[in-house]
């Protein structure tokens, strides 16, 4: 899991990010001050075509996708444009139920693939 942080509000700063929020060893935190990832996803979100849908309408004009989740299949390939997007949502707290549902779907798919024939 990658968590990408960047400044969106006055007062946001790398020194203030909540590292204790996600402490699982599989979580990779990154600070992206130029908002490179957020800008790329904002520009390309429509081209990603999530297989389980997306949920979110940005209420204001912003220059980067933020306070969002993007859930990819474990076999997603990250070439010029990543594939395997299962779902996305904005803002995270409003769409967390969909994230949990889609995460459970992804885990169930993984378990089905692991079963012997």
PDB file of N, CA and C in Angstrom:
ATOM      1  N   UNK A   1       0.844  -1.159   0.000  1.00  0.00           N
ATOM      2  CA  UNK A   1       0.000   0.000   0.000  1.00  0.00           C
ATOM      3  C   UNK A   1       0.894   1.227   0.000  1.00  0.00           C
ATOM      4  N   UNK A   2       0.576   2.140  -0.880  1.00  0.00           N
ATOM      5  CA  UNK A   2       1.286   3.413  -0.922  1.00  0.00           C
ATOM      6  C   UNK A   2       0.356   4.510  -0.424  1.00  0.00           C
ATOM      7  N   UNK A   3       0.851   5.333   0.459  1.00  0.00           N
ATOM      8  CA  UNK A   3       0.134   6.510   0.934  1.00  0.00           C
ATOM      9  C   UNK A   3       0.969   7.711   0.522  1.00  0.00           C
ATOM     10  N   UNK A   4       0.372   8.572  -0.278  1.00  0.00           N
ATOM     11  CA  UNK A   4       1.101   9.726  -0.805  1.00  0.00           C
ATOM     12  C   UNK A   4       0.519  10.985  -0.181  1.00  0.00           C
ATOM     13  N   UNK A   5       1.389  11.745   0.437  1.00  0.00           N
ATOM     14  CA  UNK A   5       0.998  12.975   1.123  1.00  0.00           C
ATOM     15  C   UNK A   5       1.559  14.175   0.373  1.00  0.00           C
ATOM     16  N   UNK A   6       0.803  15.269   0.356  1.00  0.00           N
ATOM     17  CA  UNK A   6       1.316  16.534  -0.160  1.00  0.00           C
ATOM     18  C   UNK A   6       0.483  17.672   0.418  1.00  0.00           C
ATOM     19  N   UNK A   7       0.964  18.863   0.236  1.00  0.00           N
ATOM     20  CA  UNK A   7       0.327  20.053   0.805  1.00  0.00           C
ATOM     21  C   UNK A   7      -0.889  20.460  -0.041  1.00  0.00           C
ATOM     22  N   UNK A   8      -2.052  20.550   0.630  1.00  0.00           N
ATOM     23  CA  UNK A   8      -3.264  21.054  -0.018  1.00  0.00           C
ATOM     24  C   UNK A   8      -3.833  22.260   0.719  1.00  0.00           C
ATOM     25  N   UNK A   9      -3.582  22.357   2.001  1.00  0.00           N
ATOM     26  CA  UNK A   9      -4.070  23.463   2.823  1.00  0.00           C
ATOM     27  C   UNK A   9      -2.902  24.184   3.467  1.00  0.00           C
ATOM     28  N   UNK A  10      -3.064  25.466   3.759  1.00  0.00           N
ATOM     29  CA  UNK A  10      -2.029  26.152   4.545  1.00  0.00           C
ATOM     30  C   UNK A  10      -1.853  25.391   5.863  1.00  0.00           C
ATOM     31  N   UNK A  11      -0.647  25.192   6.249  1.00  0.00           N
ATOM     32  CA  UNK A  11      -0.381  24.441   7.472  1.00  0.00           C
ATOM     33  C   UNK A  11      -0.033  22.988   7.225  1.00  0.00           C
ATOM     34  N   UNK A  12      -0.416  22.436   6.057  1.00  0.00           N
ATOM     35  CA  UNK A  12       0.024  21.082   5.721  1.00  0.00           C
ATOM     36  C   UNK A  12       1.531  21.115   5.544  1.00  0.00           C
ATOM     37  N   UNK A  13       2.214  20.143   6.089  1.00  0.00           N
ATOM     38  CA  UNK A  13       3.671  20.102   5.966  1.00  0.00           C
ATOM     39  C   UNK A  13       4.154  18.681   6.193  1.00  0.00           C
ATOM     40  N   UNK A  14       5.248  18.352   5.557  1.00  0.00           N
ATOM     41  CA  UNK A  14       5.823  17.021   5.731  1.00  0.00           C
ATOM     42  C   UNK A  14       6.079  16.728   7.207  1.00  0.00           C
ATOM     43  N   UNK A  15       6.520  17.720   7.954  1.00  0.00           N
ATOM     44  CA  UNK A  15       6.817  17.519   9.375  1.00  0.00           C
ATOM     45  C   UNK A  15       5.564  17.242  10.207  1.00  0.00           C
ATOM     46  N   UNK A  16       4.377  17.497   9.647  1.00  0.00           N
ATOM     47  CA  UNK A  16       3.130  17.306  10.394  1.00  0.00           C
ATOM     48  C   UNK A  16       2.319  16.097   9.933  1.00  0.00           C
ATOM     49  N   UNK A  17       2.788  15.359   8.929  1.00  0.00           N
ATOM     50  CA  UNK A  17       1.959  14.267   8.437  1.00  0.00           C
ATOM     51  C   UNK A  17       1.799  13.212   9.526  1.00  0.00           C
ATOM     52  N   UNK A  18       0.644  12.546   9.599  1.00  0.00           N
ATOM     53  CA  UNK A  18       0.363  11.597  10.674  1.00  0.00           C
ATOM     54  C   UNK A  18       0.921  10.197  10.394  1.00  0.00           C
ATOM     55  N   UNK A  19       2.204  10.018  10.586  1.00  0.00           N
ATOM     56  CA  UNK A  19       2.829   8.720  10.315  1.00  0.00           C
ATOM     57  C   UNK A  19       2.213   7.591  11.138  1.00  0.00           C
ATOM     58  N   UNK A  20       1.693   7.917  12.311  1.00  0.00           N
ATOM     59  CA  UNK A  20       1.111   6.901  13.184  1.00  0.00           C
ATOM     60  C   UNK A  20      -0.277   6.454  12.722  1.00  0.00           C
ATOM     61  N   UNK A  21      -0.829   7.083  11.710  1.00  0.00           N
ATOM     62  CA  UNK A  21      -2.157   6.746  11.223  1.00  0.00           C
ATOM     63  C   UNK A  21      -2.191   5.364  10.576  1.00  0.00           C
ATOM     64  N   UNK A  22      -1.226   5.050   9.763  1.00  0.00           N
ATOM     65  CA  UNK A  22      -1.132   3.748   9.092  1.00  0.00           C
ATOM     66  C   UNK A  22       0.246   3.168   9.399  1.00  0.00           C
ATOM     67  N   UNK A  23       0.291   2.209  10.316  1.00  0.00           N
ATOM     68  CA  UNK A  23       1.584   1.717  10.799  1.00  0.00           C
ATOM     69  C   UNK A  23       1.918   0.308  10.337  1.00  0.00           C
ATOM     70  N   UNK A  24       1.058  -0.309   9.554  1.00  0.00           N
ATOM     71  CA  UNK A  24       1.351  -1.648   9.052  1.00  0.00           C
ATOM     72  C   UNK A  24       2.654  -1.611   8.258  1.00  0.00           C
ATOM     73  N   UNK A  25       3.479  -2.621   8.414  1.00  0.00           N
ATOM     74  CA  UNK A  25       4.795  -2.637   7.757  1.00  0.00           C
ATOM     75  C   UNK A  25       4.697  -2.636   6.230  1.00  0.00           C
ATOM     76  N   UNK A  26       3.542  -2.999   5.697  1.00  0.00           N
ATOM     77  CA  UNK A  26       3.366  -3.018   4.237  1.00  0.00           C
ATOM     78  C   UNK A  26       3.005  -1.654   3.667  1.00  0.00           C
ATOM     79  N   UNK A  27       2.761  -0.678   4.528  1.00  0.00           N
ATOM     80  CA  UNK A  27       2.404   0.672   4.087  1.00  0.00           C
ATOM     81  C   UNK A  27       3.670   1.466   3.799  1.00  0.00           C
ATOM     82  N   UNK A  28       3.738   2.020   2.607  1.00  0.00           N
ATOM     83  CA  UNK A  28       4.847   2.888   2.204  1.00  0.00           C
ATOM     84  C   UNK A  28       4.334   4.323   2.164  1.00  0.00           C
ATOM     85  N   UNK A  29       4.868   5.183   3.014  1.00  0.00           N
ATOM     86  CA  UNK A  29       4.497   6.596   3.027  1.00  0.00           C
ATOM     87  C   UNK A  29       5.467   7.378   2.147  1.00  0.00           C
ATOM     88  N   UNK A  30       4.937   8.304   1.358  1.00  0.00           N
ATOM     89  CA  UNK A  30       5.763   9.166   0.516  1.00  0.00           C
ATOM     90  C   UNK A  30       5.248  10.597   0.609  1.00  0.00           C
ATOM     91  N   UNK A  31       6.160  11.551   0.653  1.00  0.00           N
ATOM     92  CA  UNK A  31       5.806  12.966   0.605  1.00  0.00           C
ATOM     93  C   UNK A  31       6.071  13.442  -0.809  1.00  0.00           C
ATOM     94  N   UNK A  32       5.068  14.021  -1.452  1.00  0.00           N
ATOM     95  CA  UNK A  32       5.156  14.431  -2.853  1.00  0.00           C
ATOM     96  C   UNK A  32       4.847  15.923  -2.957  1.00  0.00           C
ATOM     97  N   UNK A  33       5.808  16.749  -2.552  1.00  0.00           N
ATOM     98  CA  UNK A  33       5.570  18.197  -2.514  1.00  0.00           C
ATOM     99  C   UNK A  33       5.137  18.777  -3.860  1.00  0.00           C
ATOM    100  N   UNK A  34       5.689  18.341  -4.995  1.00  0.00           N
ATOM    101  CA  UNK A  34       5.200  18.917  -6.258  1.00  0.00           C
ATOM    102  C   UNK A  34       3.846  18.347  -6.704  1.00  0.00           C
ATOM    103  N   UNK A  35       3.270  17.428  -5.916  1.00  0.00           N
ATOM    104  CA  UNK A  35       1.968  16.817  -6.223  1.00  0.00           C
ATOM    105  C   UNK A  35       1.988  16.045  -7.539  1.00  0.00           C
ATOM    106  N   UNK A  36       3.103  15.499  -7.903  1.00  0.00           N
ATOM    107  CA  UNK A  36       3.234  14.798  -9.178  1.00  0.00           C
ATOM    108  C   UNK A  36       2.215  13.677  -9.309  1.00  0.00           C
ATOM    109  N   UNK A  37       2.106  12.837  -8.300  1.00  0.00           N
ATOM    110  CA  UNK A  37       1.161  11.715  -8.357  1.00  0.00           C
ATOM    111  C   UNK A  37      -0.280  12.220  -8.378  1.00  0.00           C
ATOM    112  N   UNK A  38      -0.605  13.156  -7.505  1.00  0.00           N
ATOM    113  CA  UNK A  38      -1.968  13.686  -7.444  1.00  0.00           C
ATOM    114  C   UNK A  38      -2.395  14.363  -8.734  1.00  0.00           C
ATOM    115  N   UNK A  39      -1.481  15.088  -9.348  1.00  0.00           N
ATOM    116  CA  UNK A  39      -1.799  15.746 -10.628  1.00  0.00           C
ATOM    117  C   UNK A  39      -1.990  14.716 -11.737  1.00  0.00           C
ATOM    118  N   UNK A  40      -1.128  13.692 -11.752  1.00  0.00           N
ATOM    119  CA  UNK A  40      -1.247  12.661 -12.784  1.00  0.00           C
ATOM    120  C   UNK A  40      -2.591  11.950 -12.660  1.00  0.00           C
ATOM    121  N   UNK A  41      -2.946  11.530 -11.447  1.00  0.00           N
ATOM    122  CA  UNK A  41      -4.211  10.819 -11.269  1.00  0.00           C
ATOM    123  C   UNK A  41      -5.414  11.716 -11.545  1.00  0.00           C
ATOM    124  N   UNK A  42      -5.341  12.985 -11.208  1.00  0.00           N
ATOM    125  CA  UNK A  42      -6.441  13.910 -11.497  1.00  0.00           C
ATOM    126  C   UNK A  42      -6.656  14.013 -13.005  1.00  0.00           C
ATOM    127  N   UNK A  43      -5.574  14.092 -13.748  1.00  0.00           N
ATOM    128  CA  UNK A  43      -5.642  14.205 -15.203  1.00  0.00           C
ATOM    129  C   UNK A  43      -6.102  12.908 -15.858  1.00  0.00           C
ATOM    130  N   UNK A  44      -5.688  11.763 -15.318  1.00  0.00           N
ATOM    131  CA  UNK A  44      -5.902  10.478 -15.988  1.00  0.00           C
ATOM    132  C   UNK A  44      -6.974   9.591 -15.369  1.00  0.00           C
ATOM    133  N   UNK A  45      -7.657  10.053 -14.345  1.00  0.00           N
ATOM    134  CA  UNK A  45      -8.625   9.203 -13.651  1.00  0.00           C
ATOM    135  C   UNK A  45      -9.683   8.633 -14.590  1.00  0.00           C
ATOM    136  N   UNK A  46     -10.200   9.419 -15.502  1.00  0.00           N
ATOM    137  CA  UNK A  46     -11.237   8.934 -16.422  1.00  0.00           C
ATOM    138  C   UNK A  46     -10.747   7.818 -17.329  1.00  0.00           C
ATOM    139  N   UNK A  47      -9.463   7.770 -17.627  1.00  0.00           N
ATOM    140  CA  UNK A  47      -8.917   6.745 -18.518  1.00  0.00           C
ATOM    141  C   UNK A  47      -8.662   5.422 -17.804  1.00  0.00           C
ATOM    142  N   UNK A  48      -8.710   5.395 -16.482  1.00  0.00           N
ATOM    143  CA  UNK A  48      -8.339   4.185 -15.743  1.00  0.00           C
ATOM    144  C   UNK A  48      -9.434   3.130 -15.708  1.00  0.00           C
ATOM    145  N   UNK A  49     -10.677   3.485 -15.860  1.00  0.00           N
ATOM    146  CA  UNK A  49     -11.800   2.559 -15.964  1.00  0.00           C
ATOM    147  C   UNK A  49     -11.839   1.520 -14.841  1.00  0.00           C
ATOM    148  N   UNK A  50     -12.258   1.893 -13.644  1.00  0.00           N
ATOM    149  CA  UNK A  50     -12.322   0.930 -12.545  1.00  0.00           C
ATOM    150  C   UNK A  50     -13.352  -0.157 -12.812  1.00  0.00           C
ATOM    151  N   UNK A  51     -13.002  -1.402 -12.548  1.00  0.00           N
ATOM    152  CA  UNK A  51     -13.898  -2.518 -12.833  1.00  0.00           C
ATOM    153  C   UNK A  51     -15.090  -2.561 -11.883  1.00  0.00           C
ATOM    154  N   UNK A  52     -14.958  -2.018 -10.680  1.00  0.00           N
ATOM    155  CA  UNK A  52     -16.048  -2.033  -9.705  1.00  0.00           C
ATOM    156  C   UNK A  52     -16.641  -0.644  -9.477  1.00  0.00           C
ATOM    157  N   UNK A  53     -16.260   0.307 -10.272  1.00  0.00           N
ATOM    158  CA  UNK A  53     -16.852   1.632 -10.190  1.00  0.00           C
ATOM    159  C   UNK A  53     -16.026   2.630  -9.412  1.00  0.00           C
ATOM    160  N   UNK A  54     -16.472   3.857  -9.457  1.00  0.00           N
ATOM    161  CA  UNK A  54     -15.826   4.941  -8.734  1.00  0.00           C
ATOM    162  C   UNK A  54     -16.880   5.777  -8.048  1.00  0.00           C
ATOM    163  N   UNK A  55     -16.478   6.497  -7.031  1.00  0.00           N
ATOM    164  CA  UNK A  55     -17.431   7.295  -6.280  1.00  0.00           C
ATOM    165  C   UNK A  55     -16.769   8.576  -5.832  1.00  0.00           C
ATOM    166  N   UNK A  56     -17.245   9.672  -6.336  1.00  0.00           N
ATOM    167  CA  UNK A  56     -16.707  10.935  -5.878  1.00  0.00           C
ATOM    168  C   UNK A  56     -16.893  12.027  -6.908  1.00  0.00           C
ATOM    169  N   UNK A  57     -17.247  13.185  -6.425  1.00  0.00           N
ATOM    170  CA  UNK A  57     -17.342  14.377  -7.245  1.00  0.00           C
ATOM    171  C   UNK A  57     -16.588  15.455  -6.494  1.00  0.00           C
ATOM    172  N   UNK A  58     -15.628  16.044  -7.130  1.00  0.00           N
ATOM    173  CA  UNK A  58     -14.830  17.056  -6.457  1.00  0.00           C
ATOM    174  C   UNK A  58     -15.643  18.337  -6.326  1.00  0.00           C
ATOM    175  N   UNK A  59     -15.820  18.823  -5.092  1.00  0.00           N
ATOM    176  CA  UNK A  59     -16.672  19.988  -4.867  1.00  0.00           C
ATOM    177  C   UNK A  59     -16.029  21.314  -5.243  1.00  0.00           C
ATOM    178  N   UNK A  60     -14.762  21.319  -5.456  1.00  0.00           N
ATOM    179  CA  UNK A  60     -14.073  22.566  -5.784  1.00  0.00           C
ATOM    180  C   UNK A  60     -13.060  22.298  -6.888  1.00  0.00           C
ATOM    181  N   UNK A  61     -12.582  23.346  -7.464  1.00  0.00           N
ATOM    182  CA  UNK A  61     -11.551  23.199  -8.494  1.00  0.00           C
ATOM    183  C   UNK A  61     -10.228  22.954  -7.790  1.00  0.00           C
ATOM    184  N   UNK A  62      -9.621  21.838  -8.084  1.00  0.00           N
ATOM    185  CA  UNK A  62      -8.343  21.484  -7.464  1.00  0.00           C
ATOM    186  C   UNK A  62      -7.366  21.077  -8.552  1.00  0.00           C
ATOM    187  N   UNK A  63      -6.093  21.116  -8.226  1.00  0.00           N
ATOM    188  CA  UNK A  63      -5.068  20.775  -9.206  1.00  0.00           C
ATOM    189  C   UNK A  63      -4.522  19.367  -9.030  1.00  0.00           C
ATOM    190  N   UNK A  64      -5.040  18.615  -8.033  1.00  0.00           N
ATOM    191  CA  UNK A  64      -4.513  17.275  -7.784  1.00  0.00           C
ATOM    192  C   UNK A  64      -5.580  16.414  -7.112  1.00  0.00           C
ATOM    193  N   UNK A  65      -5.577  15.132  -7.428  1.00  0.00           N
ATOM    194  CA  UNK A  65      -6.440  14.179  -6.743  1.00  0.00           C
ATOM    195  C   UNK A  65      -5.908  14.015  -5.329  1.00  0.00           C
ATOM    196  N   UNK A  66      -6.758  14.231  -4.328  1.00  0.00           N
ATOM    197  CA  UNK A  66      -6.306  14.160  -2.942  1.00  0.00           C
ATOM    198  C   UNK A  66      -7.455  13.652  -2.077  1.00  0.00           C
ATOM    199  N   UNK A  67      -7.143  13.266  -0.846  1.00  0.00           N
ATOM    200  CA  UNK A  67      -8.129  12.711   0.083  1.00  0.00           C
ATOM    201  C   UNK A  67      -8.935  11.630  -0.622  1.00  0.00           C
ATOM    202  N   UNK A  68      -8.243  10.779  -1.350  1.00  0.00           N
ATOM    203  CA  UNK A  68      -8.864   9.770  -2.198  1.00  0.00           C
ATOM    204  C   UNK A  68      -8.176   8.431  -2.006  1.00  0.00           C
ATOM    205  N   UNK A  69      -8.893   7.382  -2.378  1.00  0.00           N
ATOM    206  CA  UNK A  69      -8.243   6.076  -2.451  1.00  0.00           C
ATOM    207  C   UNK A  69      -8.368   5.563  -3.875  1.00  0.00           C
ATOM    208  N   UNK A  70      -7.391   4.787  -4.286  1.00  0.00           N
ATOM    209  CA  UNK A  70      -7.435   4.054  -5.544  1.00  0.00           C
ATOM    210  C   UNK A  70      -7.033   2.629  -5.195  1.00  0.00           C
ATOM    211  N   UNK A  71      -7.918   1.684  -5.402  1.00  0.00           N
ATOM    212  CA  UNK A  71      -7.674   0.286  -5.053  1.00  0.00           C
ATOM    213  C   UNK A  71      -7.398  -0.495  -6.331  1.00  0.00           C
ATOM    214  N   UNK A  72      -6.196  -1.043  -6.409  1.00  0.00           N
ATOM    215  CA  UNK A  72      -5.782  -1.807  -7.577  1.00  0.00           C
ATOM    216  C   UNK A  72      -5.739  -3.291  -7.258  1.00  0.00           C
ATOM    217  N   UNK A  73      -6.010  -4.114  -8.250  1.00  0.00           N
ATOM    218  CA  UNK A  73      -5.855  -5.557  -8.146  1.00  0.00           C
ATOM    219  C   UNK A  73      -4.385  -5.876  -7.909  1.00  0.00           C
ATOM    220  N   UNK A  74      -4.113  -6.956  -7.221  1.00  0.00           N
ATOM    221  CA  UNK A  74      -2.721  -7.309  -6.928  1.00  0.00           C
ATOM    222  C   UNK A  74      -1.912  -7.581  -8.198  1.00  0.00           C
ATOM    223  N   UNK A  75      -2.568  -7.879  -9.318  1.00  0.00           N
ATOM    224  CA  UNK A  75      -1.861  -8.144 -10.574  1.00  0.00           C
ATOM    225  C   UNK A  75      -1.819  -6.927 -11.492  1.00  0.00           C
ATOM    226  N   UNK A  76      -2.136  -5.770 -10.971  1.00  0.00           N
ATOM    227  CA  UNK A  76      -2.112  -4.551 -11.786  1.00  0.00           C
ATOM    228  C   UNK A  76      -0.710  -4.326 -12.343  1.00  0.00           C
ATOM    229  N   UNK A  77      -0.662  -3.892 -13.582  1.00  0.00           N
ATOM    230  CA  UNK A  77       0.619  -3.583 -14.224  1.00  0.00           C
ATOM    231  C   UNK A  77       0.735  -2.068 -14.344  1.00  0.00           C
ATOM    232  N   UNK A  78       1.852  -1.541 -13.900  1.00  0.00           N
ATOM    233  CA  UNK A  78       2.072  -0.099 -13.929  1.00  0.00           C
ATOM    234  C   UNK A  78       3.025   0.232 -15.066  1.00  0.00           C
ATOM    235  N   UNK A  79       2.450   0.426 -16.253  1.00  0.00           N
ATOM    236  CA  UNK A  79       3.228   0.853 -17.407  1.00  0.00           C
ATOM    237  C   UNK A  79       2.966   2.341 -17.608  1.00  0.00           C
ATOM    238  N   UNK A  80       2.718   2.761 -18.827  1.00  0.00           N
ATOM    239  CA  UNK A  80       2.422   4.175 -19.063  1.00  0.00           C
ATOM    240  C   UNK A  80       1.158   4.603 -18.314  1.00  0.00           C
ATOM    241  N   UNK A  81       0.134   3.775 -18.386  1.00  0.00           N
ATOM    242  CA  UNK A  81      -1.093   3.972 -17.616  1.00  0.00           C
ATOM    243  C   UNK A  81      -1.356   2.681 -16.864  1.00  0.00           C
ATOM    244  N   UNK A  82      -1.539   2.736 -15.550  1.00  0.00           N
ATOM    245  CA  UNK A  82      -1.750   1.497 -14.802  1.00  0.00           C
ATOM    246  C   UNK A  82      -3.084   0.852 -15.157  1.00  0.00           C
ATOM    247  N   UNK A  83      -3.114  -0.475 -15.107  1.00  0.00           N
ATOM    248  CA  UNK A  83      -4.377  -1.185 -15.293  1.00  0.00           C
ATOM    249  C   UNK A  83      -4.719  -1.883 -13.983  1.00  0.00           C
ATOM    250  N   UNK A  84      -5.852  -2.512 -13.934  1.00  0.00           N
ATOM    251  CA  UNK A  84      -6.235  -3.262 -12.750  1.00  0.00           C
ATOM    252  C   UNK A  84      -6.870  -2.435 -11.645  1.00  0.00           C
ATOM    253  N   UNK A  85      -7.363  -1.230 -11.963  1.00  0.00           N
ATOM    254  CA  UNK A  85      -8.029  -0.426 -10.946  1.00  0.00           C
ATOM    255  C   UNK A  85      -9.376  -1.067 -10.627  1.00  0.00           C
ATOM    256  N   UNK A  86      -9.584  -1.413  -9.362  1.00  0.00           N
ATOM    257  CA  UNK A  86     -10.863  -1.974  -8.936  1.00  0.00           C
ATOM    258  C   UNK A  86     -11.865  -0.869  -8.630  1.00  0.00           C
ATOM    259  N   UNK A  87     -11.449   0.113  -7.843  1.00  0.00           N
ATOM    260  CA  UNK A  87     -12.353   1.206  -7.506  1.00  0.00           C
ATOM    261  C   UNK A  87     -11.564   2.400  -7.002  1.00  0.00           C
ATOM    262  N   UNK A  88     -12.248   3.515  -6.917  1.00  0.00           N
ATOM    263  CA  UNK A  88     -11.653   4.718  -6.338  1.00  0.00           C
ATOM    264  C   UNK A  88     -12.759   5.479  -5.615  1.00  0.00           C
ATOM    265  N   UNK A  89     -12.360   6.334  -4.691  1.00  0.00           N
ATOM    266  CA  UNK A  89     -13.350   7.119  -3.970  1.00  0.00           C
ATOM    267  C   UNK A  89     -12.776   8.412  -3.429  1.00  0.00           C
ATOM    268  N   UNK A  90     -13.668   9.398  -3.280  1.00  0.00           N
ATOM    269  CA  UNK A  90     -13.324  10.710  -2.735  1.00  0.00           C
ATOM    270  C   UNK A  90     -14.549  11.243  -2.017  1.00  0.00           C
ATOM    271  N   UNK A  91     -14.383  11.823  -0.867  1.00  0.00           N
ATOM    272  CA  UNK A  91     -13.238  11.753   0.034  1.00  0.00           C
ATOM    273  C   UNK A  91     -13.198  10.403   0.745  1.00  0.00           C
ATOM    274  N   UNK A  92     -12.079  10.086   1.308  1.00  0.00           N
ATOM    275  CA  UNK A  92     -11.881   8.763   1.900  1.00  0.00           C
ATOM    276  C   UNK A  92     -12.939   8.457   2.959  1.00  0.00           C
ATOM    277  N   UNK A  93     -13.191   9.371   3.873  1.00  0.00           N
ATOM    278  CA  UNK A  93     -14.130   9.077   4.961  1.00  0.00           C
ATOM    279  C   UNK A  93     -15.552   8.843   4.447  1.00  0.00           C
ATOM    280  N   UNK A  94     -15.986   9.541   3.430  1.00  0.00           N
ATOM    281  CA  UNK A  94     -17.338   9.337   2.904  1.00  0.00           C
ATOM    282  C   UNK A  94     -17.446   8.037   2.116  1.00  0.00           C
ATOM    283  N   UNK A  95     -16.370   7.600   1.489  1.00  0.00           N
ATOM    284  CA  UNK A  95     -16.413   6.421   0.619  1.00  0.00           C
ATOM    285  C   UNK A  95     -15.749   5.200   1.248  1.00  0.00           C
ATOM    286  N   UNK A  96     -15.452   5.252   2.540  1.00  0.00           N
ATOM    287  CA  UNK A  96     -14.736   4.142   3.179  1.00  0.00           C
ATOM    288  C   UNK A  96     -15.532   2.843   3.174  1.00  0.00           C
ATOM    289  N   UNK A  97     -16.859   2.890   3.209  1.00  0.00           N
ATOM    290  CA  UNK A  97     -17.655   1.659   3.156  1.00  0.00           C
ATOM    291  C   UNK A  97     -17.451   0.958   1.810  1.00  0.00           C
ATOM    292  N   UNK A  98     -17.408   1.734   0.725  1.00  0.00           N
ATOM    293  CA  UNK A  98     -17.149   1.139  -0.594  1.00  0.00           C
ATOM    294  C   UNK A  98     -15.733   0.584  -0.662  1.00  0.00           C
ATOM    295  N   UNK A  99     -14.775   1.294  -0.091  1.00  0.00           N
ATOM    296  CA  UNK A  99     -13.397   0.799  -0.046  1.00  0.00           C
ATOM    297  C   UNK A  99     -13.346  -0.539   0.681  1.00  0.00           C
ATOM    298  N   UNK A 100     -13.989  -0.652   1.827  1.00  0.00           N
ATOM    299  CA  UNK A 100     -13.989  -1.903   2.581  1.00  0.00           C
ATOM    300  C   UNK A 100     -14.631  -3.021   1.770  1.00  0.00           C
ATOM    301  N   UNK A 101     -15.760  -2.741   1.145  1.00  0.00           N
ATOM    302  CA  UNK A 101     -16.453  -3.737   0.317  1.00  0.00           C
ATOM    303  C   UNK A 101     -15.558  -4.216  -0.825  1.00  0.00           C
ATOM    304  N   UNK A 102     -14.921  -3.294  -1.519  1.00  0.00           N
ATOM    305  CA  UNK A 102     -14.066  -3.663  -2.645  1.00  0.00           C
ATOM    306  C   UNK A 102     -12.783  -4.340  -2.179  1.00  0.00           C
ATOM    307  N   UNK A 103     -12.268  -3.945  -1.025  1.00  0.00           N
ATOM    308  CA  UNK A 103     -11.090  -4.598  -0.463  1.00  0.00           C
ATOM    309  C   UNK A 103     -11.421  -6.046  -0.111  1.00  0.00           C
ATOM    310  N   UNK A 104     -12.585  -6.276   0.498  1.00  0.00           N
ATOM    311  CA  UNK A 104     -13.009  -7.639   0.826  1.00  0.00           C
ATOM    312  C   UNK A 104     -13.195  -8.460  -0.444  1.00  0.00           C
ATOM    313  N   UNK A 105     -13.718  -7.860  -1.505  1.00  0.00           N
ATOM    314  CA  UNK A 105     -13.842  -8.531  -2.794  1.00  0.00           C
ATOM    315  C   UNK A 105     -12.469  -8.954  -3.307  1.00  0.00           C
ATOM    316  N   UNK A 106     -11.502  -8.047  -3.236  1.00  0.00           N
ATOM    317  CA  UNK A 106     -10.148  -8.348  -3.718  1.00  0.00           C
ATOM    318  C   UNK A 106      -9.528  -9.491  -2.920  1.00  0.00           C
ATOM    319  N   UNK A 107      -9.714  -9.486  -1.618  1.00  0.00           N
ATOM    320  CA  UNK A 107      -9.178 -10.565  -0.781  1.00  0.00           C
ATOM    321  C   UNK A 107      -9.855 -11.880  -1.123  1.00  0.00           C
ATOM    322  N   UNK A 108     -11.174 -11.867  -1.315  1.00  0.00           N
ATOM    323  CA  UNK A 108     -11.902 -13.086  -1.665  1.00  0.00           C
ATOM    324  C   UNK A 108     -11.419 -13.635  -3.001  1.00  0.00           C
ATOM    325  N   UNK A 109     -11.169 -12.764  -3.974  1.00  0.00           N
ATOM    326  CA  UNK A 109     -10.650 -13.204  -5.273  1.00  0.00           C
ATOM    327  C   UNK A 109      -9.293 -13.867  -5.100  1.00  0.00           C
ATOM    328  N   UNK A 110      -8.481 -13.319  -4.233  1.00  0.00           N
ATOM    329  CA  UNK A 110      -7.156 -13.885  -3.973  1.00  0.00           C
ATOM    330  C   UNK A 110      -7.289 -15.273  -3.361  1.00  0.00           C
ATOM    331  N   UNK A 111      -8.221 -15.437  -2.423  1.00  0.00           N
ATOM    332  CA  UNK A 111      -8.422 -16.730  -1.768  1.00  0.00           C
ATOM    333  C   UNK A 111      -8.918 -17.770  -2.771  1.00  0.00           C
ATOM    334  N   UNK A 112      -9.796 -17.372  -3.691  1.00  0.00           N
ATOM    335  CA  UNK A 112     -10.295 -18.290  -4.719  1.00  0.00           C
ATOM    336  C   UNK A 112      -9.137 -18.774  -5.581  1.00  0.00           C
ATOM    337  N   UNK A 113      -8.227 -17.889  -5.941  1.00  0.00           N
ATOM    338  CA  UNK A 113      -7.080 -18.257  -6.786  1.00  0.00           C
ATOM    339  C   UNK A 113      -6.119 -19.188  -6.065  1.00  0.00           C
ATOM    340  N   UNK A 114      -6.062 -19.118  -4.740  1.00  0.00           N
ATOM    341  CA  UNK A 114      -5.127 -19.933  -3.967  1.00  0.00           C
ATOM    342  C   UNK A 114      -5.616 -21.365  -3.771  1.00  0.00           C
ATOM    343  N   UNK A 115      -6.926 -21.604  -3.899  1.00  0.00           N
ATOM    344  CA  UNK A 115      -7.480 -22.936  -3.649  1.00  0.00           C
ATOM    345  C   UNK A 115      -6.976 -23.927  -4.685  1.00  0.00           C
ATOM    346  N   UNK A 116      -6.651 -25.151  -4.211  1.00  0.00           N
ATOM    347  CA  UNK A 116      -6.216 -26.184  -5.168  1.00  0.00           C
ATOM    348  C   UNK A 116      -7.381 -26.614  -6.056  1.00  0.00           C
ATOM    349  N   UNK A 117      -7.075 -27.004  -7.265  1.00  0.00           N
ATOM    350  CA  UNK A 117      -8.109 -27.418  -8.231  1.00  0.00           C
ATOM    351  C   UNK A 117      -8.621 -28.793  -7.926  1.00  0.00           C
TER     352      UNK A 117
END
